Amino acid sequence: MRIARFSLNGEPKFGIVDGPELVVLNGHPLVAGYDTTGERVPIKDVKLLAPTIPSKVVCVGLNYADHVGEIDGATIAAEPTLFLKPSSAIVGPGDAIVLPAQSEKVDLEVELTIVMGQIAKNVSEKDALNYVWGFTVANDVTARDLQHTDQQWARSKSFDSFCPIGPWIETEFVPDGQELSSRINGETKQSSSIDHMLHNVPKLISYISHNMTLLPGDVILTGTPAGITQIFSGDVVECEIEGIGTLVNPVR
């Protein structure tokens, strides 16, 4: 089941994606369940929003070996590398990625993204997927020059619009070798499989939950494969994951 968050007459709502239409839900699915209002609206007539606004965006760095190889000085670590993005960086499908004046090199990074459905604290790898609401697509936009000059990654990862998420949450997605890719103006820049992650989804959820409590709606960006590429004003960026969908954002 695909759950979208959208704006209808200026009001944010949730709906179940049913072909070209949305079946409108009574409230937030994690609170009110999947009761519907009986209303159906065409997707083309609404503005899709980021499918969740989390308390925190937890990101996993250097989680594909080929990506580690393209980052100067990076090495494969025994444990996942974690960092955070602020929720203020989140934008939805169709929203612009805004290039900041502070950076001269901004890159795209397609990432499989976990959306939590329950409070998760010290969970086991065996039970980890039971705490997941679903999965979506994210673009971990990065000011690469600032990432290299700063001692911490916070600034390079946290500008407004640097965390596009969408287009919806797929609740039935089971991580099992699906392809992920990114394109700039239709040209493929990244293409890989989620099976190439150094630390898989259950391990990441368990590991993170032993270091911080994950709340319903929180997201985990699971890392990007090789092919990170600079984006420029006027570009159109597409991030796609097989079985979920395609997240499209212009750059300005």
C-alpha atoms as a PDB file:
ATOM      1  CA  MET A   1       0.000   0.000   0.000  1.00  0.00           C
ATOM      2  CA  ARG A   2       1.247   3.450  -0.920  1.00  0.00           C
ATOM      3  CA  ILE A   3       0.501   6.289   1.499  1.00  0.00           C
ATOM      4  CA  ALA A   4       0.840   9.842   0.239  1.00  0.00           C
ATOM      5  CA  ARG A   5       0.708  13.115   2.114  1.00  0.00           C
ATOM      6  CA  PHE A   6      -0.748  15.941   0.077  1.00  0.00           C
ATOM      7  CA  SER A   7      -2.274  19.381   0.163  1.00  0.00           C
ATOM      8  CA  LEU A   8      -5.980  19.668  -0.637  1.00  0.00           C
ATOM      9  CA  ASN A   9      -7.505  23.151  -0.532  1.00  0.00           C
ATOM     10  CA  GLY A  10      -4.505  24.282   1.460  1.00  0.00           C
ATOM     11  CA  GLU A  11      -4.881  21.572   4.109  1.00  0.00           C
ATOM     12  CA  PRO A  12      -2.413  18.682   4.518  1.00  0.00           C
ATOM     13  CA  LYS A  13      -4.032  15.246   4.313  1.00  0.00           C
ATOM     14  CA  PHE A  14      -3.079  11.605   3.880  1.00  0.00           C
ATOM     15  CA  GLY A  15      -4.384   9.264   1.239  1.00  0.00           C
ATOM     16  CA  ILE A  16      -3.969   5.785  -0.198  1.00  0.00           C
ATOM     17  CA  VAL A  17      -2.618   5.798  -3.744  1.00  0.00           C
ATOM     18  CA  ASP A  18      -5.034   3.949  -6.015  1.00  0.00           C
ATOM     19  CA  GLY A  19      -3.831   4.293  -9.580  1.00  0.00           C
ATOM     20  CA  PRO A  20      -4.268   7.916 -10.682  1.00  0.00           C
ATOM     21  CA  GLU A  21      -6.324   8.761  -7.581  1.00  0.00           C
ATOM     22  CA  LEU A  22      -5.921   9.215  -3.854  1.00  0.00           C
ATOM     23  CA  VAL A  23      -8.400   7.699  -1.393  1.00  0.00           C
ATOM     24  CA  VAL A  24      -8.541  10.313   1.357  1.00  0.00           C
ATOM     25  CA  LEU A  25      -7.920   9.114   4.926  1.00  0.00           C
ATOM     26  CA  ASN A  26      -9.599  10.458   8.061  1.00  0.00           C
ATOM     27  CA  GLY A  27      -6.328  11.450   9.700  1.00  0.00           C
ATOM     28  CA  HIS A  28      -2.702  10.493  10.191  1.00  0.00           C
ATOM     29  CA  PRO A  29      -2.491   6.725   9.535  1.00  0.00           C
ATOM     30  CA  LEU A  30      -0.180   6.119  12.510  1.00  0.00           C
ATOM     31  CA  VAL A  31      -2.804   7.681  14.789  1.00  0.00           C
ATOM     32  CA  ALA A  32      -6.181   7.200  13.131  1.00  0.00           C
ATOM     33  CA  GLY A  33      -5.495   4.055  11.115  1.00  0.00           C
ATOM     34  CA  TYR A  34      -6.673   3.630   7.546  1.00  0.00           C
ATOM     35  CA  ASP A  35     -10.319   4.684   7.838  1.00  0.00           C
ATOM     36  CA  THR A  36     -11.294   6.675   4.770  1.00  0.00           C
ATOM     37  CA  THR A  37     -13.584   9.671   4.293  1.00  0.00           C
ATOM     38  CA  GLY A  38     -15.054   8.161   1.139  1.00  0.00           C
ATOM     39  CA  GLU A  39     -13.576  10.989  -0.914  1.00  0.00           C
ATOM     40  CA  ARG A  40     -11.330  10.320  -3.907  1.00  0.00           C
ATOM     41  CA  VAL A  41      -9.201  12.966  -5.613  1.00  0.00           C
ATOM     42  CA  PRO A  42      -7.014  12.772  -8.737  1.00  0.00           C
ATOM     43  CA  ILE A  43      -3.306  12.917  -7.931  1.00  0.00           C
ATOM     44  CA  LYS A  44      -2.871  15.451 -10.725  1.00  0.00           C
ATOM     45  CA  ASP A  45      -5.173  17.860  -8.885  1.00  0.00           C
ATOM     46  CA  VAL A  46      -3.219  17.948  -5.600  1.00  0.00           C
ATOM     47  CA  LYS A  47       0.251  18.948  -4.425  1.00  0.00           C
ATOM     48  CA  LEU A  48       2.185  15.983  -3.068  1.00  0.00           C
ATOM     49  CA  LEU A  49       4.074  16.810   0.125  1.00  0.00           C
ATOM     50  CA  ALA A  50       6.962  15.101   1.884  1.00  0.00           C
ATOM     51  CA  PRO A  51       5.242  11.943   3.181  1.00  0.00           C
ATOM     52  CA  THR A  52       6.438  12.439   6.766  1.00  0.00           C
ATOM     53  CA  ILE A  53       7.802  15.282   8.889  1.00  0.00           C
ATOM     54  CA  PRO A  54      10.002  13.445  11.385  1.00  0.00           C
ATOM     55  CA  SER A  55      11.399  14.469  14.724  1.00  0.00           C
ATOM     56  CA  LYS A  56      14.808  13.684  13.230  1.00  0.00           C
ATOM     57  CA  VAL A  57      16.429  12.572   9.998  1.00  0.00           C
ATOM     58  CA  VAL A  58      19.066   9.943  10.745  1.00  0.00           C
ATOM     59  CA  CYS A  59      21.548   9.429   7.917  1.00  0.00           C
ATOM     60  CA  VAL A  60      24.032   6.659   7.281  1.00  0.00           C
ATOM     61  CA  GLY A  61      27.237   7.675   5.554  1.00  0.00           C
ATOM     62  CA  LEU A  62      29.657   5.580   3.535  1.00  0.00           C
ATOM     63  CA  ASN A  63      27.363   2.538   3.370  1.00  0.00           C
ATOM     64  CA  TYR A  64      28.299   1.402  -0.156  1.00  0.00           C
ATOM     65  CA  ALA A  65      31.890   0.311  -0.824  1.00  0.00           C
ATOM     66  CA  ASP A  66      32.007   1.935  -4.260  1.00  0.00           C
ATOM     67  CA  HIS A  67      30.893   5.266  -2.764  1.00  0.00           C
ATOM     68  CA  VAL A  68      33.588   5.029  -0.079  1.00  0.00           C
ATOM     69  CA  GLY A  69      36.097   4.687  -2.932  1.00  0.00           C
ATOM     70  CA  GLU A  70      35.051   7.975  -4.545  1.00  0.00           C
ATOM     71  CA  ILE A  71      35.371  10.062  -1.344  1.00  0.00           C
ATOM     72  CA  ASP A  72      38.905  11.302  -0.708  1.00  0.00           C
ATOM     73  CA  GLY A  73      40.351   9.864   2.484  1.00  0.00           C
ATOM     74  CA  ALA A  74      37.298   7.729   3.304  1.00  0.00           C
ATOM     75  CA  THR A  75      37.661   4.170   4.576  1.00  0.00           C
ATOM     76  CA  ILE A  76      35.218   1.367   5.308  1.00  0.00           C
ATOM     77  CA  ALA A  77      34.358   1.328   9.019  1.00  0.00           C
ATOM     78  CA  ALA A  78      33.313  -1.661  11.090  1.00  0.00           C
ATOM     79  CA  GLU A  79      30.228   0.167  12.390  1.00  0.00           C
ATOM     80  CA  PRO A  80      27.768   2.408  10.544  1.00  0.00           C
ATOM     81  CA  THR A  81      28.692   6.079  10.232  1.00  0.00           C
ATOM     82  CA  LEU A  82      25.790   8.202  11.489  1.00  0.00           C
ATOM     83  CA  PHE A  83      24.915  11.873  11.138  1.00  0.00           C
ATOM     84  CA  LEU A  84      21.733  13.954  11.338  1.00  0.00           C
ATOM     85  CA  LYS A  85      19.882  16.363   9.086  1.00  0.00           C
ATOM     86  CA  PRO A  86      17.376  18.853  10.521  1.00  0.00           C
ATOM     87  CA  SER A  87      13.710  18.471   9.609  1.00  0.00           C
ATOM     88  CA  SER A  88      13.940  21.998   8.147  1.00  0.00           C
ATOM     89  CA  ALA A  89      15.950  20.499   5.258  1.00  0.00           C
ATOM     90  CA  ILE A  90      12.956  18.425   4.120  1.00  0.00           C
ATOM     91  CA  VAL A  91      11.050  19.249   0.950  1.00  0.00           C
ATOM     92  CA  GLY A  92       8.588  17.186  -1.045  1.00  0.00           C
ATOM     93  CA  PRO A  93       8.166  15.991  -4.630  1.00  0.00           C
ATOM     94  CA  GLY A  94       8.397  18.802  -7.146  1.00  0.00           C
ATOM     95  CA  ASP A  95       9.878  21.266  -4.662  1.00  0.00           C
ATOM     96  CA  ALA A  96      13.086  23.004  -5.682  1.00  0.00           C
ATOM     97  CA  ILE A  97      16.522  22.130  -4.379  1.00  0.00           C
ATOM     98  CA  VAL A  98      17.978  25.575  -3.688  1.00  0.00           C
ATOM     99  CA  LEU A  99      21.727  25.927  -4.177  1.00  0.00           C
ATOM    100  CA  PRO A 100      23.271  27.911  -1.283  1.00  0.00           C
ATOM    101  CA  ALA A 101      25.626  30.814  -1.886  1.00  0.00           C
ATOM    102  CA  GLN A 102      28.137  29.264   0.539  1.00  0.00           C
ATOM    103  CA  SER A 103      28.893  26.299  -1.748  1.00  0.00           C
ATOM    104  CA  GLU A 104      30.330  25.907  -5.233  1.00  0.00           C
ATOM    105  CA  LYS A 105      29.749  22.150  -5.502  1.00  0.00           C
ATOM    106  CA  VAL A 106      26.436  20.543  -4.560  1.00  0.00           C
ATOM    107  CA  ASP A 107      25.900  16.848  -5.309  1.00  0.00           C
ATOM    108  CA  LEU A 108      22.909  14.529  -5.450  1.00  0.00           C
ATOM    109  CA  GLU A 109      22.718  11.234  -3.500  1.00  0.00           C
ATOM    110  CA  VAL A 110      19.824   8.791  -4.015  1.00  0.00           C
ATOM    111  CA  GLU A 111      19.005   6.787  -0.875  1.00  0.00           C
ATOM    112  CA  LEU A 112      16.551   4.115   0.238  1.00  0.00           C
ATOM    113  CA  THR A 113      14.761   5.617   3.224  1.00  0.00           C
ATOM    114  CA  ILE A 114      13.171   3.820   6.171  1.00  0.00           C
ATOM    115  CA  VAL A 115      10.097   5.378   7.789  1.00  0.00           C
ATOM    116  CA  MET A 116       9.544   4.248  11.372  1.00  0.00           C
ATOM    117  CA  GLY A 117       6.063   3.229  12.534  1.00  0.00           C
ATOM    118  CA  GLN A 118       6.687   2.589  16.233  1.00  0.00           C
ATOM    119  CA  ILE A 119       8.945   3.761  19.038  1.00  0.00           C
ATOM    120  CA  ALA A 120      12.157   1.767  18.675  1.00  0.00           C
ATOM    121  CA  LYS A 121      14.666   1.488  21.520  1.00  0.00           C
ATOM    122  CA  ASN A 122      17.315  -1.245  21.751  1.00  0.00           C
ATOM    123  CA  VAL A 123      15.566  -3.461  19.197  1.00  0.00           C
ATOM    124  CA  SER A 124      17.171  -6.592  17.798  1.00  0.00           C
ATOM    125  CA  GLU A 125      18.029  -7.113  14.137  1.00  0.00           C
ATOM    126  CA  LYS A 126      15.551  -9.998  14.118  1.00  0.00           C
ATOM    127  CA  ASP A 127      12.673  -7.761  15.205  1.00  0.00           C
ATOM    128  CA  ALA A 128      13.782  -4.544  13.491  1.00  0.00           C
ATOM    129  CA  LEU A 129      11.430  -4.652  10.492  1.00  0.00           C
ATOM    130  CA  ASN A 130       8.427  -4.951  12.831  1.00  0.00           C
ATOM    131  CA  TYR A 131       9.008  -1.315  13.820  1.00  0.00           C
ATOM    132  CA  VAL A 132       8.905  -0.002  10.240  1.00  0.00           C
ATOM    133  CA  TRP A 133       5.904   1.790   8.741  1.00  0.00           C
ATOM    134  CA  GLY A 134       7.300   1.656   5.220  1.00  0.00           C
ATOM    135  CA  PHE A 135       9.945   2.928   2.843  1.00  0.00           C
ATOM    136  CA  THR A 136      10.362   5.951   0.617  1.00  0.00           C
ATOM    137  CA  VAL A 137      12.998   7.680  -1.536  1.00  0.00           C
ATOM    138  CA  ALA A 138      15.283  10.503  -0.424  1.00  0.00           C
ATOM    139  CA  ASN A 139      17.989  12.646  -1.956  1.00  0.00           C
ATOM    140  CA  ASP A 140      20.766  13.374   0.549  1.00  0.00           C
ATOM    141  CA  VAL A 141      21.807  16.605  -1.151  1.00  0.00           C
ATOM    142  CA  THR A 142      25.329  17.548  -0.069  1.00  0.00           C
ATOM    143  CA  ALA A 143      27.545  20.614  -0.382  1.00  0.00           C
ATOM    144  CA  ARG A 144      30.606  18.520  -1.172  1.00  0.00           C
ATOM    145  CA  ASP A 145      33.167  21.309  -0.914  1.00  0.00           C
ATOM    146  CA  LEU A 146      31.926  22.209   2.567  1.00  0.00           C
ATOM    147  CA  GLN A 147      31.906  18.554   3.589  1.00  0.00           C
ATOM    148  CA  HIS A 148      35.613  18.401   2.777  1.00  0.00           C
ATOM    149  CA  THR A 149      36.556  21.675   4.502  1.00  0.00           C
ATOM    150  CA  ASP A 150      34.432  21.403   7.675  1.00  0.00           C
ATOM    151  CA  GLN A 151      35.418  19.112  10.532  1.00  0.00           C
ATOM    152  CA  GLN A 152      31.787  18.034  10.888  1.00  0.00           C
ATOM    153  CA  TRP A 153      29.239  17.252   8.132  1.00  0.00           C
ATOM    154  CA  ALA A 154      26.358  19.201   9.683  1.00  0.00           C
ATOM    155  CA  ARG A 155      26.577  22.336   7.550  1.00  0.00           C
ATOM    156  CA  SER A 156      27.192  20.538   4.258  1.00  0.00           C
ATOM    157  CA  LYS A 157      24.133  18.342   4.727  1.00  0.00           C
ATOM    158  CA  SER A 158      21.645  20.685   6.379  1.00  0.00           C
ATOM    159  CA  PHE A 159      20.769  23.617   4.122  1.00  0.00           C
ATOM    160  CA  ASP A 160      17.068  24.196   3.531  1.00  0.00           C
ATOM    161  CA  SER A 161      15.830  21.894   0.708  1.00  0.00           C
ATOM    162  CA  PHE A 162      18.764  19.474   1.128  1.00  0.00           C
ATOM    163  CA  CYS A 163      16.481  16.540   2.032  1.00  0.00           C
ATOM    164  CA  PRO A 164      13.851  15.889  -0.658  1.00  0.00           C
ATOM    165  CA  ILE A 165      11.643  12.930   0.350  1.00  0.00           C
ATOM    166  CA  GLY A 166       8.850  11.132  -1.522  1.00  0.00           C
ATOM    167  CA  PRO A 167       6.826  10.633  -3.518  1.00  0.00           C
ATOM    168  CA  TRP A 168       5.016   8.439  -0.955  1.00  0.00           C
ATOM    169  CA  ILE A 169       5.535   5.675   1.616  1.00  0.00           C
ATOM    170  CA  GLU A 170       5.357   2.086   0.369  1.00  0.00           C
ATOM    171  CA  THR A 171       4.213  -0.033   3.339  1.00  0.00           C
ATOM    172  CA  GLU A 172       4.657  -3.411   1.615  1.00  0.00           C
ATOM    173  CA  PHE A 173       8.231  -2.896   0.424  1.00  0.00           C
ATOM    174  CA  VAL A 174      10.605  -5.665   1.555  1.00  0.00           C
ATOM    175  CA  PRO A 175      14.308  -4.868   0.999  1.00  0.00           C
ATOM    176  CA  ASP A 176      15.598  -7.603  -1.304  1.00  0.00           C
ATOM    177  CA  GLY A 177      18.025  -6.467  -3.968  1.00  0.00           C
ATOM    178  CA  GLN A 178      15.899  -3.736  -5.532  1.00  0.00           C
ATOM    179  CA  GLU A 179      17.646  -1.295  -7.849  1.00  0.00           C
ATOM    180  CA  LEU A 180      18.178   2.353  -6.988  1.00  0.00           C
ATOM    181  CA  SER A 181      19.251   5.041  -9.429  1.00  0.00           C
ATOM    182  CA  SER A 182      19.515   8.762  -9.977  1.00  0.00           C
ATOM    183  CA  ARG A 183      19.259  10.867 -13.123  1.00  0.00           C
ATOM    184  CA  ILE A 184      20.038  14.463 -14.013  1.00  0.00           C
ATOM    185  CA  ASN A 185      18.066  15.784 -16.986  1.00  0.00           C
ATOM    186  CA  GLY A 186      17.311  12.182 -17.947  1.00  0.00           C
ATOM    187  CA  GLU A 187      20.936  10.997 -17.846  1.00  0.00           C
ATOM    188  CA  THR A 188      21.678   8.198 -15.370  1.00  0.00           C
ATOM    189  CA  LYS A 189      24.311   9.103 -12.783  1.00  0.00           C
ATOM    190  CA  GLN A 190      23.900   6.380 -10.142  1.00  0.00           C
ATOM    191  CA  SER A 191      22.752   2.798 -10.593  1.00  0.00           C
ATOM    192  CA  SER A 192      23.130   0.058  -8.004  1.00  0.00           C
ATOM    193  CA  SER A 193      21.301  -2.452  -5.808  1.00  0.00           C
ATOM    194  CA  ILE A 194      20.379  -2.077  -2.154  1.00  0.00           C
ATOM    195  CA  ASP A 195      22.021  -5.482  -1.625  1.00  0.00           C
ATOM    196  CA  HIS A 196      25.339  -3.673  -2.014  1.00  0.00           C
ATOM    197  CA  MET A 197      24.869  -1.859   1.294  1.00  0.00           C
ATOM    198  CA  LEU A 198      27.650  -2.641   3.753  1.00  0.00           C
ATOM    199  CA  HIS A 199      25.151  -2.567   6.643  1.00  0.00           C
ATOM    200  CA  ASN A 200      21.655  -3.801   5.764  1.00  0.00           C
ATOM    201  CA  VAL A 201      18.302  -2.390   6.866  1.00  0.00           C
ATOM    202  CA  PRO A 202      17.710  -4.564   9.976  1.00  0.00           C
ATOM    203  CA  LYS A 203      21.260  -3.939  11.203  1.00  0.00           C
ATOM    204  CA  LEU A 204      20.891  -0.186  10.730  1.00  0.00           C
ATOM    205  CA  ILE A 205      17.590   0.017  12.621  1.00  0.00           C
ATOM    206  CA  SER A 206      18.943  -2.069  15.478  1.00  0.00           C
ATOM    207  CA  TYR A 207      22.234  -0.182  15.644  1.00  0.00           C
ATOM    208  CA  ILE A 208      20.617   3.252  15.587  1.00  0.00           C
ATOM    209  CA  SER A 209      17.985   2.248  18.166  1.00  0.00           C
ATOM    210  CA  HIS A 210      20.776   1.283  20.552  1.00  0.00           C
ATOM    211  CA  ASN A 211      22.212   4.797  20.214  1.00  0.00           C
ATOM    212  CA  MET A 212      19.040   6.914  20.117  1.00  0.00           C
ATOM    213  CA  THR A 213      15.304   6.306  20.426  1.00  0.00           C
ATOM    214  CA  LEU A 214      13.519   6.295  17.087  1.00  0.00           C
ATOM    215  CA  LEU A 215      10.007   7.769  17.082  1.00  0.00           C
ATOM    216  CA  PRO A 216       7.059   7.093  14.754  1.00  0.00           C
ATOM    217  CA  GLY A 217       7.550   9.035  11.539  1.00  0.00           C
ATOM    218  CA  ASP A 218      11.329   9.306  11.934  1.00  0.00           C
ATOM    219  CA  VAL A 219      13.334   8.490   8.829  1.00  0.00           C
ATOM    220  CA  ILE A 220      16.633   6.732   8.242  1.00  0.00           C
ATOM    221  CA  LEU A 221      18.527   7.470   5.012  1.00  0.00           C
ATOM    222  CA  THR A 222      20.532   4.311   4.372  1.00  0.00           C
ATOM    223  CA  GLY A 223      23.412   5.615   2.256  1.00  0.00           C
ATOM    224  CA  THR A 224      24.163   6.183  -1.411  1.00  0.00           C
ATOM    225  CA  PRO A 225      26.096   4.227  -4.049  1.00  0.00           C
ATOM    226  CA  ALA A 226      28.840   5.576  -6.309  1.00  0.00           C
ATOM    227  CA  GLY A 227      28.079   8.159  -8.939  1.00  0.00           C
ATOM    228  CA  ILE A 228      27.521  11.268  -6.824  1.00  0.00           C
ATOM    229  CA  THR A 229      27.313  14.132  -9.308  1.00  0.00           C
ATOM    230  CA  GLN A 230      27.207  17.907  -9.134  1.00  0.00           C
ATOM    231  CA  ILE A 231      23.867  19.573  -9.810  1.00  0.00           C
ATOM    232  CA  PHE A 232      23.308  23.026 -11.287  1.00  0.00           C
ATOM    233  CA  SER A 233      20.498  25.555 -11.434  1.00  0.00           C
ATOM    234  CA  GLY A 234      18.022  24.516 -14.116  1.00  0.00           C
ATOM    235  CA  ASP A 235      18.654  20.783 -13.698  1.00  0.00           C
ATOM    236  CA  VAL A 236      15.872  18.293 -13.015  1.00  0.00           C
ATOM    237  CA  VAL A 237      16.916  15.545 -10.612  1.00  0.00           C
ATOM    238  CA  GLU A 238      15.196  12.148 -10.445  1.00  0.00           C
ATOM    239  CA  CYS A 239      15.828   9.597  -7.692  1.00  0.00           C
ATOM    240  CA  GLU A 240      14.195   6.207  -8.244  1.00  0.00           C
ATOM    241  CA  ILE A 241      13.936   2.998  -6.245  1.00  0.00           C
ATOM    242  CA  GLU A 242      12.419  -0.114  -7.777  1.00  0.00           C
ATOM    243  CA  GLY A 243       9.140  -0.981  -6.065  1.00  0.00           C
ATOM    244  CA  ILE A 244       8.654   2.459  -4.510  1.00  0.00           C
ATOM    245  CA  GLY A 245       8.692   5.147  -7.185  1.00  0.00           C
ATOM    246  CA  THR A 246      10.489   8.218  -8.468  1.00  0.00           C
ATOM    247  CA  LEU A 247      11.207  11.447  -6.605  1.00  0.00           C
ATOM    248  CA  VAL A 248      11.583  14.429  -8.948  1.00  0.00           C
ATOM    249  CA  ASN A 249      12.956  17.849  -7.962  1.00  0.00           C
ATOM    250  CA  PRO A 250      14.106  20.860  -9.989  1.00  0.00           C
ATOM    251  CA  VAL A 251      17.257  22.743  -9.004  1.00  0.00           C
ATOM    252  CA  ARG A 252      17.519  26.497  -8.718  1.00  0.00           C
END
